[in-house]
């Protein structure tokens, strides 16, 4: 491995160590020594203990299940709807206002209604994740389809391609960068919404574990769950970026990055 390859991970590791050292100093002898903030070593130790229990892994599994199923549903339905909208200027203009109206509404706003209808269940969390990711994916997919080069479409027609062939060989490849970016952004969002479903909606998963730790006043355990969630977030973000690079390995932006 070359120096340029090793340098970014080393700098990242140094940043993590520095942040943990600052946390340890602030909670022990620094300005936050008298606050409920636990030391970094205490939170890390508690995180290791939690990862040795089946209850924690069950909570992690519940959270990831809600996040993954909700995200997959949002991708499948959002891309299908986005392609349908993008291929029709009439549909694009007809749906622009409803989609723009729904886009800024966070899932937490509809949380009380969803809990009332579905209860504090895993299905409730899946629906919230779907709602939190679906609109952005549909909007990006429709924009990618709508922005396909008209010259490329016309060239396909001049070679005798039908509408379905043009859609599969010209339009969808052109829209894939838009769709890939939307999925990469939605992946960590799905994890956040899944946690919120447990934290505020009473659903299963790490959000519920965070709430119970807060209620019991176990600060070290509370921050341990935060560390576990942060690590999960890094893994999800890394996997989404890896998937985007693999999906778009042919694109000039990613061609040199794929090993």
Protein backbone atom coordinates (compact mmCIF):
# COMPACT_ATOMS: atom_id res chain seq x y z
CA UNK A 1 0.00 0.00 0.00
CA UNK A 2 1.27 3.47 -0.89
CA UNK A 3 1.66 6.41 1.43
CA UNK A 4 -1.26 8.23 -0.22
CA UNK A 5 -3.46 5.20 0.51
CA UNK A 6 -2.47 4.90 4.16
CA UNK A 7 -2.52 8.60 5.03
CA UNK A 8 -6.32 9.23 5.08
CA UNK A 9 -7.09 6.28 7.42
CA UNK A 10 -4.24 7.29 9.73
CA UNK A 11 -5.47 10.87 9.89
CA UNK A 12 -8.99 9.61 10.56
CA UNK A 13 -7.76 7.34 13.36
CA UNK A 14 -5.81 10.23 14.88
CA UNK A 15 -8.95 12.36 14.81
CA UNK A 16 -10.94 9.66 16.63
CA UNK A 17 -8.26 9.24 19.30
CA UNK A 18 -8.04 13.01 19.78
CA UNK A 19 -11.82 13.31 20.16
CA UNK A 20 -11.89 10.50 22.73
CA UNK A 21 -8.98 12.07 24.63
CA UNK A 22 -10.76 15.44 24.70
CA UNK A 23 -13.94 13.73 25.89
CA UNK A 24 -12.01 11.91 28.67
CA UNK A 25 -10.32 15.10 29.84
CA UNK A 26 -13.54 17.14 29.76
CA UNK A 27 -15.48 14.55 31.80
CA UNK A 28 -12.78 13.86 34.41
CA UNK A 29 -10.72 16.98 35.11
CA UNK A 30 -12.05 19.47 32.56
CA UNK A 31 -14.99 21.88 32.55
CA UNK A 32 -17.59 19.07 32.47
CA UNK A 33 -16.16 17.13 35.42
CA UNK A 34 -19.14 18.03 37.62
CA UNK A 35 -21.73 17.20 34.94
CA UNK A 36 -23.47 13.85 34.35
CA UNK A 37 -21.24 13.27 31.30
CA UNK A 38 -19.43 9.94 31.83
CA UNK A 39 -15.78 9.46 30.98
CA UNK A 40 -14.98 8.11 27.52
CA UNK A 41 -13.35 5.04 29.04
CA UNK A 42 -16.49 4.30 31.07
CA UNK A 43 -18.72 4.62 27.99
CA UNK A 44 -16.40 2.47 25.89
CA UNK A 45 -16.24 -0.19 28.60
CA UNK A 46 -20.00 -0.23 28.91
CA UNK A 47 -20.33 -0.51 25.12
CA UNK A 48 -18.08 -3.58 25.14
CA UNK A 49 -20.22 -5.10 27.91
CA UNK A 50 -23.44 -4.38 26.03
CA UNK A 51 -22.09 -5.98 22.86
CA UNK A 52 -21.57 -9.14 24.86
CA UNK A 53 -25.29 -9.49 25.60
CA UNK A 54 -27.97 -11.03 23.39
CA UNK A 55 -30.38 -8.20 24.25
CA UNK A 56 -28.19 -5.61 22.56
CA UNK A 57 -27.77 -7.70 19.42
CA UNK A 58 -31.53 -8.22 19.29
CA UNK A 59 -32.03 -4.45 19.51
CA UNK A 60 -29.42 -3.91 16.78
CA UNK A 61 -31.16 -6.50 14.61
CA UNK A 62 -34.56 -4.86 15.12
CA UNK A 63 -33.18 -1.44 14.21
CA UNK A 64 -31.38 -2.69 11.11
CA UNK A 65 -34.45 -4.69 10.03
CA UNK A 66 -36.64 -1.59 10.15
CA UNK A 67 -34.00 0.50 8.38
CA UNK A 68 -33.24 -2.00 5.62
CA UNK A 69 -36.83 -3.05 4.84
CA UNK A 70 -38.06 0.54 4.86
CA UNK A 71 -35.17 1.66 2.65
CA UNK A 72 -35.63 -1.19 0.16
CA UNK A 73 -39.34 -0.41 -0.14
CA UNK A 74 -38.55 3.27 -0.62
CA UNK A 75 -36.00 2.47 -3.33
CA UNK A 76 -38.24 0.06 -5.25
CA UNK A 77 -41.39 2.19 -5.12
CA UNK A 78 -39.57 5.53 -5.31
CA UNK A 79 -37.53 4.59 -8.39
CA UNK A 80 -40.59 3.08 -10.13
CA UNK A 81 -42.65 6.21 -9.44
CA UNK A 82 -39.76 8.52 -10.33
CA UNK A 83 -39.23 6.80 -13.69
CA UNK A 84 -42.95 6.97 -14.43
CA UNK A 85 -43.01 10.69 -13.58
CA UNK A 86 -39.80 11.50 -15.42
CA UNK A 87 -40.88 9.91 -18.67
CA UNK A 88 -43.99 12.10 -18.83
CA UNK A 89 -43.68 15.91 -18.70
CA UNK A 90 -47.39 16.05 -17.86
CA UNK A 91 -46.92 13.75 -14.86
CA UNK A 92 -43.82 15.70 -13.82
CA UNK A 93 -45.74 18.98 -13.63
CA UNK A 94 -48.82 17.34 -12.10
CA UNK A 95 -46.89 15.78 -9.22
CA UNK A 96 -44.38 18.55 -8.58
CA UNK A 97 -46.50 20.43 -6.02
CA UNK A 98 -47.54 17.34 -3.97
CA UNK A 99 -43.97 16.01 -3.89
CA UNK A 100 -42.49 19.38 -2.97
CA UNK A 101 -45.17 19.71 -0.27
CA UNK A 102 -44.30 16.32 1.27
CA UNK A 103 -40.51 16.59 0.89
CA UNK A 104 -39.80 18.95 3.85
CA UNK A 105 -42.13 17.07 6.24
CA UNK A 106 -39.95 14.97 8.59
CA UNK A 107 -41.17 11.54 9.72
CA UNK A 108 -41.32 12.71 13.32
CA UNK A 109 -44.26 14.97 12.41
CA UNK A 110 -46.47 12.04 11.45
CA UNK A 111 -45.09 9.80 14.21
CA UNK A 112 -48.04 10.27 16.63
CA UNK A 113 -50.56 9.39 13.91
CA UNK A 114 -48.60 6.34 12.75
CA UNK A 115 -48.21 5.09 16.34
CA UNK A 116 -51.93 5.60 16.91
CA UNK A 117 -52.82 3.59 13.80
CA UNK A 118 -50.11 0.90 13.83
CA UNK A 119 -49.03 0.86 17.45
CA UNK A 120 -45.43 0.75 18.76
CA UNK A 121 -44.49 -2.08 16.42
CA UNK A 122 -41.77 -2.93 13.94
CA UNK A 123 -44.23 -2.22 11.13
CA UNK A 124 -44.60 1.33 12.43
CA UNK A 125 -40.83 1.81 12.24
CA UNK A 126 -40.67 0.37 8.71
CA UNK A 127 -43.40 2.75 7.54
CA UNK A 128 -41.63 5.76 9.07
CA UNK A 129 -38.36 4.80 7.38
CA UNK A 130 -40.19 4.37 4.09
CA UNK A 131 -41.83 7.79 4.45
CA UNK A 132 -38.54 9.41 5.37
CA UNK A 133 -36.70 8.06 2.30
CA UNK A 134 -39.34 7.58 -0.40
CA UNK A 135 -39.98 11.19 -1.44
CA UNK A 136 -36.32 12.13 -1.91
CA UNK A 137 -35.61 9.00 -3.95
CA UNK A 138 -38.68 9.53 -6.17
CA UNK A 139 -37.77 13.18 -6.77
CA UNK A 140 -34.16 12.36 -7.65
CA UNK A 141 -35.16 9.48 -9.91
CA UNK A 142 -37.67 11.62 -11.80
CA UNK A 143 -35.11 14.42 -12.17
CA UNK A 144 -32.53 11.99 -13.53
CA UNK A 145 -34.96 10.57 -16.09
CA UNK A 146 -36.28 13.98 -17.07
CA UNK A 147 -32.74 15.35 -17.58
CA UNK A 148 -31.68 12.59 -19.97
CA UNK A 149 -29.94 14.06 -22.99
CA UNK A 150 -32.60 14.49 -25.71
CA UNK A 151 -29.92 13.95 -28.36
CA UNK A 152 -29.23 10.50 -26.91
CA UNK A 153 -32.95 9.70 -27.02
CA UNK A 154 -33.20 10.88 -30.60
CA UNK A 155 -30.14 8.84 -31.55
CA UNK A 156 -31.73 5.74 -30.05
CA UNK A 157 -34.90 6.33 -32.03
CA UNK A 158 -32.91 6.83 -35.22
CA UNK A 159 -31.35 3.40 -34.68
CA UNK A 160 -34.79 1.85 -34.44
CA UNK A 161 -35.00 1.45 -30.67
CA UNK A 162 -38.46 1.22 -29.15
CA UNK A 163 -39.59 3.09 -26.03
CA UNK A 164 -38.79 0.19 -23.72
CA UNK A 165 -35.31 -0.26 -25.17
CA UNK A 166 -34.58 3.46 -24.96
CA UNK A 167 -35.73 3.43 -21.34
CA UNK A 168 -33.52 0.46 -20.43
CA UNK A 169 -30.39 1.32 -22.42
CA UNK A 170 -30.35 5.12 -22.44
CA UNK A 171 -32.68 6.69 -19.88
CA UNK A 172 -32.04 4.49 -16.83
CA UNK A 173 -28.21 4.53 -17.17
CA UNK A 174 -28.41 8.32 -17.45
CA UNK A 175 -30.55 8.52 -14.31
CA UNK A 176 -28.45 6.08 -12.24
CA UNK A 177 -26.08 8.77 -10.82
CA UNK A 178 -29.13 10.66 -9.49
CA UNK A 179 -30.63 7.47 -8.04
CA UNK A 180 -27.30 6.34 -6.55
CA UNK A 181 -26.81 9.67 -4.80
CA UNK A 182 -30.36 9.57 -3.43
CA UNK A 183 -29.86 6.05 -2.02
CA UNK A 184 -26.48 7.00 -0.48
CA UNK A 185 -28.09 9.96 1.30
CA UNK A 186 -31.16 7.94 2.31
CA UNK A 187 -29.17 5.04 3.82
CA UNK A 188 -28.02 6.86 7.01
CA UNK A 189 -31.39 8.61 7.15
CA UNK A 190 -33.10 5.22 7.35
CA UNK A 191 -31.01 4.33 10.41
CA UNK A 192 -31.80 7.65 12.10
CA UNK A 193 -35.54 7.26 11.50
CA UNK A 194 -35.47 3.65 12.75
CA UNK A 195 -33.88 4.86 16.00
CA UNK A 196 -36.41 7.68 16.34
CA UNK A 197 -39.21 5.14 15.90
CA UNK A 198 -38.00 3.38 19.04
CA UNK A 199 -36.93 6.46 20.98
CA UNK A 200 -40.13 8.47 20.54
CA UNK A 201 -42.58 5.92 19.17
CA UNK A 202 -41.93 3.04 21.55
CA UNK A 203 -40.95 0.63 18.76
CA UNK A 204 -38.33 -2.09 19.23
CA UNK A 205 -34.64 -1.50 18.67
CA UNK A 206 -31.82 0.69 19.88
CA UNK A 207 -34.05 3.73 20.19
CA UNK A 208 -36.04 1.99 22.90
CA UNK A 209 -32.79 0.93 24.61
CA UNK A 210 -31.64 4.56 24.60
CA UNK A 211 -34.93 5.66 26.16
CA UNK A 212 -34.74 3.04 28.92
CA UNK A 213 -31.15 4.04 29.75
CA UNK A 214 -32.18 7.67 29.95
CA UNK A 215 -35.15 6.90 32.19
CA UNK A 216 -33.01 4.77 34.52
CA UNK A 217 -30.33 7.50 34.71
CA UNK A 218 -27.56 5.17 33.57
CA UNK A 219 -25.43 7.76 31.79
CA UNK A 220 -22.56 5.41 30.93
CA UNK A 221 -24.97 2.98 29.28
CA UNK A 222 -26.76 5.82 27.48
CA UNK A 223 -23.51 7.05 25.92
CA UNK A 224 -22.48 3.47 25.19
CA UNK A 225 -25.58 3.08 23.04
CA UNK A 226 -24.70 6.38 21.35
CA UNK A 227 -21.26 4.97 20.51
CA UNK A 228 -22.82 1.79 19.14
CA UNK A 229 -25.23 3.82 17.02
CA UNK A 230 -22.40 5.99 15.73
CA UNK A 231 -20.44 2.90 14.72
CA UNK A 232 -23.50 1.49 12.96
CA UNK A 233 -23.91 4.80 11.15
CA UNK A 234 -20.32 4.65 9.90
CA UNK A 235 -20.85 1.09 8.66
CA UNK A 236 -24.09 1.99 6.88
CA UNK A 237 -22.52 5.06 5.29
CA UNK A 238 -19.49 3.06 4.18
CA UNK A 239 -21.63 0.30 2.68
CA UNK A 240 -23.81 2.82 0.83
CA UNK A 241 -20.75 4.54 -0.63
CA UNK A 242 -19.25 1.19 -1.65
CA UNK A 243 -22.53 0.16 -3.28
CA UNK A 244 -22.73 3.46 -5.14
CA UNK A 245 -19.19 3.05 -6.49
CA UNK A 246 -19.97 -0.51 -7.64
CA UNK A 247 -23.27 0.47 -9.20
CA UNK A 248 -21.66 3.38 -11.07
CA UNK A 249 -18.26 1.81 -11.78
CA UNK A 250 -18.66 2.82 -15.44
CA UNK A 251 -19.24 6.50 -14.59
CA UNK A 252 -16.20 8.82 -15.07
CA UNK A 253 -16.54 10.05 -11.48
CA UNK A 254 -16.04 6.54 -10.06
CA UNK A 255 -14.01 4.76 -12.74
CA UNK A 256 -10.67 5.54 -11.12
CA UNK A 257 -11.91 4.78 -7.60
CA UNK A 258 -12.93 1.16 -8.19
CA UNK A 259 -10.11 -1.19 -7.38
